[in-house]
């Protein structure tokens, strides 16, 4: 969706006449969705929700800062969508069912048109997963979005990072690396490329794998979503599980769009080290492959390696030769 010249992300445009509380009332308090477990939502000092006794509450939070987590040119609609999607992806990685969200929005100025588009993107995704906005905060400053999402799991059934064991198989959903290539096309302003729309959408409007996360309960021994890069996030599983891994490079899933854009000399680097895909990376016992095959999902699930004793990750070619990878993934402070 194209943005007007008053997009707060680029600092242009005059203030509208609406103040903080009017913006909240007009664009955030009017969400059509109303869950029965929300006893008190926006409008008081705090929200009140009801939690079923047989459930456990899962809380996740992500902050997105202009120029760090998204290009300044990102549309308000896409930012509204993505700020929720990255949180729902964390819930998916824990096998949780989403329920509520809170929003802290910092804006350079009061731009009614921008806020309207932002709220439309936020609420379109929220409505897909029955998620209600129940509170938050609005302030003035550099464009920053913080969302906290809340979800449920059955008692003791959350997917964690620490259960991978030697012999487990490593799976990934979808096509990691597409978002990184989408960012490359945006940064090079290569909008004429045939894959631009698909790959830029993968960057700006990721689909949280909620249904897959729910289906993996009782099957996966560990799970994480890919936000900083496949290898970087796999390292989190290995660190928590006290294990190592072999990745079979020839088994990595490559889409036609990826193949059309990726550099031949570093062909697998975006797939292994690029972030922002929000696909699920998970491990299963080898004897549960048939159960994975029976999961009804509208995305591919690919076995890309195995958990090993020891530490570290080896990326191997078909002959078993180790392939060196230049970087594992994104790190806020190392990148700075």
Foldseek 3Di string as FASTA:
>chain_A
DADDQCAQLVPDDDADPDDDVVLCVPQAVPQPFDDPQWPAFPDDPFTHGDDDPQKDKDKDKDKDADPQLDDSRFALLLCLQVLVQVQLLQCLQFLWQWEEKEKEWEGQHHDNVSSNNNSNNNSVLCVVRSYGYGYYYYYYDGTMMMMMTMTIDGVPQTAALAQADFQWFKKWWFAFLLQVLLVVCVVVVVCVPPCNVVSVCLQRRAHRPNLVSNLCGVFFRHKDWFAFFQQVVNQSSCVNHVWEKEFEVVQHDDDPSLVVRADPVQSCQSRGANGRNSIMMTIGRPVCPVSVVPRDDPIDMTGGIGIRHDYYYFYAYPVRDGDDHPDRGDDSVVVD
